[in-house]
């Protein structure tokens, strides 16, 4: 289980100095129906053609964390450059 503080001091690429950041976990939003991939998927699956690719198997047991860091000085938000890390359980503590 990974525990992380809600406020940490880290580098802000906009201020170009280390400042206090608030950490929050991004919530999943509804996927857009207007993206090219979704439009193509709807076109291919329409009618009696069936599913165009192998059915998706089970998801990975450990998903990557999507953490957003908000700078307290400038108010801008950014994410980690390397895509984050994986943890089975994650908790933000004071």
N, C-alpha and C. Protein backbone atom coordinates (compact mmCIF):
# COMPACT_ATOMS: atom_id res chain seq x y z
N UNK A 1 0.84 -1.18 0.00
CA UNK A 1 0.00 0.00 0.00
C UNK A 1 0.89 1.24 0.00
N UNK A 2 0.61 2.15 -0.89
CA UNK A 2 1.39 3.38 -0.99
C UNK A 2 0.65 4.50 -0.28
N UNK A 3 1.36 5.22 0.56
CA UNK A 3 0.80 6.39 1.23
C UNK A 3 1.60 7.60 0.80
N UNK A 4 0.89 8.69 0.51
CA UNK A 4 1.56 9.92 0.09
C UNK A 4 0.91 11.10 0.80
N UNK A 5 1.72 12.08 1.14
CA UNK A 5 1.20 13.28 1.79
C UNK A 5 0.39 14.10 0.80
N UNK A 6 -0.62 14.82 1.32
CA UNK A 6 -1.47 15.64 0.46
C UNK A 6 -0.74 16.89 -0.02
N UNK A 7 0.23 17.36 0.75
CA UNK A 7 1.00 18.53 0.36
C UNK A 7 2.48 18.17 0.40
N UNK A 8 3.17 18.32 -0.73
CA UNK A 8 4.59 18.03 -0.80
C UNK A 8 5.30 19.18 -1.51
N UNK A 9 6.59 19.29 -1.26
CA UNK A 9 7.38 20.31 -1.93
C UNK A 9 8.07 19.66 -3.11
N UNK A 10 7.82 20.21 -4.31
CA UNK A 10 8.43 19.66 -5.52
C UNK A 10 8.62 20.77 -6.53
N UNK A 11 9.31 20.42 -7.63
CA UNK A 11 9.66 21.40 -8.65
C UNK A 11 8.45 21.76 -9.49
N UNK A 12 8.24 23.07 -9.69
CA UNK A 12 7.17 23.54 -10.56
C UNK A 12 7.80 23.98 -11.88
N UNK A 13 7.42 23.37 -13.02
CA UNK A 13 8.01 23.75 -14.31
C UNK A 13 7.58 25.12 -14.79
N UNK A 14 6.53 25.69 -14.22
CA UNK A 14 6.07 27.01 -14.63
C UNK A 14 6.78 28.11 -13.83
N UNK A 15 6.90 27.91 -12.52
CA UNK A 15 7.62 28.88 -11.67
C UNK A 15 9.13 28.70 -11.78
N UNK A 16 9.56 27.51 -12.16
CA UNK A 16 10.98 27.13 -12.26
C UNK A 16 11.69 27.16 -10.91
N UNK A 17 10.96 26.91 -9.83
CA UNK A 17 11.52 26.77 -8.48
C UNK A 17 10.75 25.67 -7.76
N UNK A 18 11.28 25.22 -6.62
CA UNK A 18 10.57 24.26 -5.79
C UNK A 18 9.54 25.01 -4.94
N UNK A 19 8.28 24.57 -5.01
CA UNK A 19 7.21 25.18 -4.23
C UNK A 19 6.36 24.08 -3.61
N UNK A 20 5.45 24.47 -2.74
CA UNK A 20 4.54 23.53 -2.11
C UNK A 20 3.43 23.18 -3.09
N UNK A 21 3.17 21.88 -3.27
CA UNK A 21 2.14 21.41 -4.19
C UNK A 21 1.11 20.59 -3.44
N UNK A 22 -0.14 20.69 -3.86
CA UNK A 22 -1.18 19.80 -3.34
C UNK A 22 -1.35 18.65 -4.33
N UNK A 23 -1.46 17.44 -3.80
CA UNK A 23 -1.55 16.24 -4.63
C UNK A 23 -3.01 15.80 -4.68
N UNK A 24 -3.49 15.49 -5.86
CA UNK A 24 -4.83 14.91 -5.98
C UNK A 24 -4.83 13.83 -7.04
N UNK A 25 -5.70 12.88 -6.86
CA UNK A 25 -5.81 11.77 -7.80
C UNK A 25 -6.87 12.13 -8.84
N UNK A 26 -6.54 11.99 -10.11
CA UNK A 26 -7.46 12.38 -11.18
C UNK A 26 -8.57 11.36 -11.28
N UNK A 27 -9.78 11.86 -11.50
CA UNK A 27 -10.93 10.98 -11.65
C UNK A 27 -11.13 10.68 -13.14
N UNK A 28 -11.65 9.49 -13.41
CA UNK A 28 -11.91 9.09 -14.79
C UNK A 28 -13.12 9.85 -15.31
N UNK A 29 -12.97 10.45 -16.47
CA UNK A 29 -14.11 11.17 -17.05
C UNK A 29 -14.68 10.37 -18.21
N UNK A 30 -15.85 10.76 -18.66
CA UNK A 30 -16.51 10.06 -19.74
C UNK A 30 -15.71 10.25 -21.03
N UNK A 31 -15.49 9.16 -21.77
CA UNK A 31 -14.74 9.24 -23.01
C UNK A 31 -15.55 9.99 -24.06
N UNK A 32 -14.88 10.77 -24.87
CA UNK A 32 -15.55 11.56 -25.89
C UNK A 32 -15.97 10.68 -27.05
N UNK A 33 -17.18 10.90 -27.53
CA UNK A 33 -17.69 10.14 -28.67
C UNK A 33 -17.19 10.72 -29.99
N UNK A 34 -16.54 11.88 -29.96
CA UNK A 34 -16.13 12.55 -31.19
C UNK A 34 -14.68 12.25 -31.59
N UNK A 35 -13.94 11.47 -30.80
CA UNK A 35 -12.57 11.16 -31.17
C UNK A 35 -12.55 10.23 -32.38
N UNK A 36 -11.46 10.25 -33.12
CA UNK A 36 -11.37 9.46 -34.35
C UNK A 36 -11.52 7.98 -34.07
N UNK A 37 -10.87 7.49 -33.02
CA UNK A 37 -10.93 6.07 -32.71
C UNK A 37 -12.34 5.61 -32.35
N UNK A 38 -13.05 6.45 -31.60
CA UNK A 38 -14.41 6.08 -31.22
C UNK A 38 -15.36 6.13 -32.41
N UNK A 39 -15.16 7.11 -33.30
CA UNK A 39 -15.98 7.19 -34.51
C UNK A 39 -15.77 5.95 -35.39
N UNK A 40 -14.50 5.54 -35.54
CA UNK A 40 -14.21 4.36 -36.36
C UNK A 40 -14.78 3.11 -35.71
N UNK A 41 -14.66 3.01 -34.39
CA UNK A 41 -15.20 1.84 -33.67
C UNK A 41 -16.70 1.73 -33.85
N UNK A 42 -17.41 2.85 -33.76
CA UNK A 42 -18.87 2.85 -33.94
C UNK A 42 -19.24 2.45 -35.37
N UNK A 43 -18.44 2.92 -36.35
CA UNK A 43 -18.71 2.59 -37.75
C UNK A 43 -18.49 1.11 -38.02
N UNK A 44 -17.41 0.56 -37.47
CA UNK A 44 -17.06 -0.84 -37.74
C UNK A 44 -18.03 -1.79 -37.03
N UNK A 45 -18.46 -1.46 -35.83
CA UNK A 45 -19.34 -2.36 -35.08
C UNK A 45 -20.81 -2.20 -35.45
N UNK A 46 -21.14 -1.22 -36.28
CA UNK A 46 -22.54 -1.03 -36.67
C UNK A 46 -22.99 -2.18 -37.57
N UNK A 47 -24.24 -2.57 -37.44
CA UNK A 47 -24.78 -3.63 -38.29
C UNK A 47 -24.50 -5.01 -37.73
N UNK A 48 -24.34 -5.99 -38.62
CA UNK A 48 -24.20 -7.38 -38.21
C UNK A 48 -22.76 -7.88 -38.30
N UNK A 49 -21.78 -6.96 -38.34
CA UNK A 49 -20.40 -7.37 -38.52
C UNK A 49 -19.77 -8.03 -37.31
N UNK A 50 -20.27 -7.74 -36.13
CA UNK A 50 -19.69 -8.28 -34.92
C UNK A 50 -18.54 -7.42 -34.43
N UNK A 51 -17.84 -7.93 -33.45
CA UNK A 51 -16.75 -7.17 -32.84
C UNK A 51 -15.53 -7.22 -33.75
N UNK A 52 -14.88 -6.10 -34.05
CA UNK A 52 -13.84 -6.06 -35.08
C UNK A 52 -12.47 -6.59 -34.64
N UNK A 53 -12.30 -6.88 -33.38
CA UNK A 53 -10.99 -7.34 -32.88
C UNK A 53 -11.22 -8.33 -31.76
N UNK A 54 -10.19 -9.02 -31.29
CA UNK A 54 -10.40 -9.97 -30.19
C UNK A 54 -11.00 -9.27 -28.98
N UNK A 55 -11.93 -9.93 -28.30
CA UNK A 55 -12.56 -9.33 -27.13
C UNK A 55 -11.52 -9.04 -26.07
N UNK A 56 -11.63 -7.90 -25.38
CA UNK A 56 -10.63 -7.56 -24.37
C UNK A 56 -10.66 -8.54 -23.21
N UNK A 57 -9.48 -8.96 -22.78
CA UNK A 57 -9.38 -9.88 -21.64
C UNK A 57 -9.40 -9.06 -20.35
N UNK A 58 -9.16 -9.72 -19.24
CA UNK A 58 -9.19 -9.05 -17.94
C UNK A 58 -8.15 -7.94 -17.83
N UNK A 59 -8.47 -6.93 -17.04
CA UNK A 59 -7.57 -5.79 -16.86
C UNK A 59 -6.39 -6.18 -15.97
N UNK A 60 -5.36 -5.37 -16.00
CA UNK A 60 -4.20 -5.63 -15.14
C UNK A 60 -4.63 -5.46 -13.68
N UNK A 61 -4.05 -6.25 -12.77
CA UNK A 61 -4.46 -6.15 -11.37
C UNK A 61 -4.00 -4.85 -10.71
N UNK A 62 -2.93 -4.26 -11.23
CA UNK A 62 -2.40 -3.03 -10.64
C UNK A 62 -2.38 -1.96 -11.72
N UNK A 63 -3.14 -0.89 -11.52
CA UNK A 63 -3.19 0.18 -12.50
C UNK A 63 -2.22 1.29 -12.10
N UNK A 64 -1.80 2.08 -13.09
CA UNK A 64 -0.92 3.21 -12.81
C UNK A 64 -1.71 4.33 -12.15
N UNK A 65 -1.06 5.01 -11.23
CA UNK A 65 -1.70 6.14 -10.54
C UNK A 65 -1.65 7.36 -11.44
N UNK A 66 -2.75 8.09 -11.50
CA UNK A 66 -2.79 9.33 -12.26
C UNK A 66 -2.86 10.46 -11.23
N UNK A 67 -1.71 10.97 -10.86
CA UNK A 67 -1.64 12.01 -9.84
C UNK A 67 -1.43 13.37 -10.48
N UNK A 68 -2.13 14.38 -9.97
CA UNK A 68 -1.98 15.76 -10.44
C UNK A 68 -1.40 16.57 -9.31
N UNK A 69 -0.43 17.41 -9.65
CA UNK A 69 0.21 18.26 -8.66
C UNK A 69 -0.15 19.71 -8.96
N UNK A 70 -0.74 20.40 -7.97
CA UNK A 70 -1.15 21.79 -8.16
C UNK A 70 -0.23 22.69 -7.34
N UNK A 71 0.42 23.64 -8.04
CA UNK A 71 1.36 24.55 -7.40
C UNK A 71 0.59 25.57 -6.57
N UNK A 72 1.06 25.82 -5.35
CA UNK A 72 0.39 26.79 -4.48
C UNK A 72 0.75 28.22 -4.87
N UNK A 73 1.87 28.42 -5.57
CA UNK A 73 2.28 29.78 -5.95
C UNK A 73 1.55 30.27 -7.20
N UNK A 74 1.61 29.50 -8.29
CA UNK A 74 1.01 29.95 -9.54
C UNK A 74 -0.37 29.33 -9.79
N UNK A 75 -0.72 28.25 -9.09
CA UNK A 75 -2.03 27.63 -9.25
C UNK A 75 -2.14 26.70 -10.43
N UNK A 76 -1.04 26.50 -11.18
CA UNK A 76 -1.09 25.61 -12.34
C UNK A 76 -0.89 24.17 -11.89
N UNK A 77 -1.43 23.26 -12.70
CA UNK A 77 -1.39 21.85 -12.37
C UNK A 77 -0.55 21.11 -13.39
N UNK A 78 0.23 20.14 -12.95
CA UNK A 78 1.02 19.33 -13.87
C UNK A 78 1.09 17.91 -13.35
N UNK A 79 1.58 16.99 -14.22
CA UNK A 79 1.69 15.58 -13.88
C UNK A 79 3.15 15.17 -13.94
N UNK A 80 3.44 13.97 -13.47
CA UNK A 80 4.81 13.45 -13.55
C UNK A 80 5.19 13.21 -14.99
N UNK A 81 6.46 13.43 -15.30
CA UNK A 81 6.90 13.31 -16.68
C UNK A 81 7.02 11.85 -17.13
N UNK A 82 7.30 10.93 -16.20
CA UNK A 82 7.53 9.53 -16.60
C UNK A 82 6.28 8.66 -16.51
N UNK A 83 5.12 9.26 -16.31
CA UNK A 83 3.89 8.48 -16.35
C UNK A 83 3.44 7.91 -15.03
N UNK A 84 4.15 8.16 -13.94
CA UNK A 84 3.71 7.67 -12.64
C UNK A 84 4.21 6.29 -12.33
N UNK A 85 3.62 5.67 -11.30
CA UNK A 85 4.03 4.35 -10.88
C UNK A 85 2.80 3.54 -10.51
N UNK A 86 3.00 2.25 -10.30
CA UNK A 86 1.89 1.36 -10.02
C UNK A 86 1.81 1.06 -8.53
N UNK A 87 0.60 0.97 -8.03
CA UNK A 87 0.38 0.58 -6.64
C UNK A 87 -0.99 -0.07 -6.53
N UNK A 88 -1.05 -1.16 -5.78
CA UNK A 88 -2.32 -1.87 -5.62
C UNK A 88 -3.30 -1.03 -4.79
N UNK A 89 -2.82 -0.47 -3.69
CA UNK A 89 -3.64 0.40 -2.85
C UNK A 89 -2.93 1.74 -2.73
N UNK A 90 -3.68 2.81 -2.76
CA UNK A 90 -3.08 4.15 -2.67
C UNK A 90 -3.93 5.01 -1.76
N UNK A 91 -3.24 5.80 -0.91
CA UNK A 91 -3.94 6.64 0.04
C UNK A 91 -3.21 7.96 0.20
N UNK A 92 -3.96 9.05 0.23
CA UNK A 92 -3.41 10.37 0.52
C UNK A 92 -3.63 10.67 1.99
N UNK A 93 -2.55 11.00 2.71
CA UNK A 93 -2.65 11.27 4.15
C UNK A 93 -2.17 12.69 4.43
N UNK A 94 -2.56 13.22 5.58
CA UNK A 94 -2.13 14.58 5.97
C UNK A 94 -0.71 14.59 6.49
